[in-house]
Structure formats: C-alpha cells, structure tokens
Amino acid sequence: MFLDRGRRAPAYPWLEWKVRFFVIGAMLALGGMAMSIEWLVWLAFVFLALGFLTRFLPAGKGRGQVESDESTEPNQLGAREVEDGRDESDWWTSGS
C-alpha cells in the first residue's frame, strides 16, 4: 500500500542460483521425508547448504545500480529525502 514502486534494488548475480539450490533442496527434503530415505534428506541438506554458501560469493557491482546523490542520502533523522523535498518519514502525507 505504501511501497515506493519506483525504487529498484541493485541486481544480485547469484540470486537465480540461490533459488535453484533452495528449490532442489526443498524438493529432495520433502521427497526423502515422504519416502523415508535418509540419504536423500542428507543430499537435500547439501543443496540447502550450497544455497546458503552462495551468500558469501562476491556480489560484484550489479547491473543498473543507481549512483547516489544528495537526494538519496540519509538525513540526520535517518530518513531519505524524496525528490519533492519531503523525507520518507512523511509517508502519511504523501497522498499515494
């Protein structure tokens, strides 16, 4: 409802691999538990651990990162000023 839909997060190059490892690990874990196959559950644990370890890979600079300027720097209160001069702490007065 009060989300800023114009804001974009920097691209994270390992996100697809994290999702792949999680999905594979989750499917193996559920299948291993349903069929009571212990080695399948351990294999699922390996895939889930690989997904976690991708967190420590270098993220690079990302694609489409916006360079910061004065209007996006936090002010003294910790809120960022939006383009019309208001800060994000005034979200209730934005009217959208």
Protein backbone atom coordinates (compact mmCIF):
# COMPACT_ATOMS: atom_id res chain seq x y z
CA MET A 1 0.00 0.00 0.00
CA PHE A 2 2.74 2.50 0.93
CA LEU A 3 5.53 0.92 -1.13
CA ASP A 4 7.72 3.02 -3.37
CA ARG A 5 7.39 1.08 -6.61
CA GLY A 6 9.84 3.31 -8.46
CA ARG A 7 12.76 2.20 -6.29
CA ARG A 8 14.89 -0.65 -7.62
CA ALA A 9 17.26 -2.89 -5.72
CA PRO A 10 20.67 -3.48 -7.27
CA ALA A 11 20.91 -6.66 -9.30
CA TYR A 12 22.33 -9.62 -7.40
CA PRO A 13 24.11 -12.03 -9.79
CA TRP A 14 23.76 -15.14 -7.60
CA LEU A 15 20.04 -14.83 -6.85
CA GLU A 16 18.96 -17.34 -9.51
CA TRP A 17 21.41 -19.93 -8.19
CA LYS A 18 20.24 -19.38 -4.62
CA VAL A 19 16.64 -20.00 -5.68
CA ARG A 20 17.63 -23.08 -7.70
CA PHE A 21 19.55 -24.61 -4.78
CA PHE A 22 16.68 -23.89 -2.39
CA VAL A 23 14.03 -25.39 -4.66
CA ILE A 24 16.10 -28.51 -5.36
CA GLY A 25 16.93 -28.88 -1.67
CA ALA A 26 13.32 -28.44 -0.61
CA MET A 27 12.05 -31.00 -3.13
CA LEU A 28 14.71 -33.52 -2.14
CA ALA A 29 13.98 -32.98 1.56
CA LEU A 30 10.25 -33.45 1.13
CA GLY A 31 10.74 -36.50 -1.08
CA GLY A 32 13.26 -38.00 1.32
CA MET A 33 10.99 -37.48 4.30
CA ALA A 34 7.93 -38.81 2.48
CA MET A 35 9.72 -41.95 1.32
CA SER A 36 11.83 -42.32 4.48
CA ILE A 37 15.11 -42.28 2.53
CA GLU A 38 17.76 -40.87 4.83
CA TRP A 39 20.45 -40.33 2.18
CA LEU A 40 18.00 -38.23 0.14
CA VAL A 41 17.45 -35.96 3.13
CA TRP A 42 21.23 -35.59 3.55
CA LEU A 43 21.55 -34.75 -0.15
CA ALA A 44 18.86 -32.10 0.35
CA PHE A 45 20.90 -30.71 3.23
CA VAL A 46 23.90 -30.41 0.89
CA PHE A 47 21.86 -28.42 -1.66
CA LEU A 48 20.44 -26.15 1.03
CA ALA A 49 23.96 -25.57 2.38
CA LEU A 50 25.16 -24.70 -1.13
CA GLY A 51 22.36 -22.15 -1.37
CA PHE A 52 23.46 -20.65 1.93
CA LEU A 53 27.12 -20.57 0.90
CA THR A 54 26.30 -18.54 -2.22
CA ARG A 55 25.74 -15.71 0.23
CA PHE A 56 29.48 -15.41 0.63
CA LEU A 57 30.30 -15.21 -3.08
CA PRO A 58 31.39 -11.80 -4.32
CA ALA A 59 28.31 -9.90 -5.44
CA GLY A 60 30.06 -7.69 -7.95
CA LYS A 61 28.80 -4.24 -8.76
CA GLY A 62 25.42 -5.40 -10.02
CA ARG A 63 23.54 -4.22 -13.09
CA GLY A 64 21.71 -0.95 -13.23
CA GLN A 65 22.81 0.38 -9.88
CA VAL A 66 21.84 3.98 -9.36
CA GLU A 67 24.64 6.24 -8.24
CA SER A 68 23.82 8.03 -5.03
CA ASP A 69 23.36 11.78 -4.98
CA GLU A 70 22.34 14.25 -2.30
CA SER A 71 18.61 13.48 -2.60
CA THR A 72 19.09 9.78 -1.71
CA GLU A 73 21.50 10.22 1.18
CA PRO A 74 20.03 9.72 4.66
CA ASN A 75 19.37 12.95 6.52
CA GLN A 76 20.10 13.49 10.21
CA LEU A 77 16.99 11.57 11.25
CA GLY A 78 17.91 8.57 9.11
CA ALA A 79 15.15 9.07 6.54
CA ARG A 80 15.84 9.71 2.88
CA GLU A 81 14.53 12.79 1.18
CA VAL A 82 12.33 12.21 -1.83
CA GLU A 83 12.53 14.32 -4.98
CA ASP A 84 9.95 16.91 -3.90
CA GLY A 85 11.88 17.73 -0.71
CA ARG A 86 9.88 15.65 1.77
CA ASP A 87 11.53 12.76 3.54
CA GLU A 88 10.32 9.16 3.79
CA SER A 89 9.24 9.69 7.39
CA ASP A 90 6.36 11.80 5.99
CA TRP A 91 4.81 8.84 4.16
CA TRP A 92 1.38 9.51 5.64
CA THR A 93 1.28 12.96 3.98
CA SER A 94 2.27 11.71 0.53
CA GLY A 95 -1.33 11.05 -0.52
CA SER A 96 -0.50 7.98 -2.59
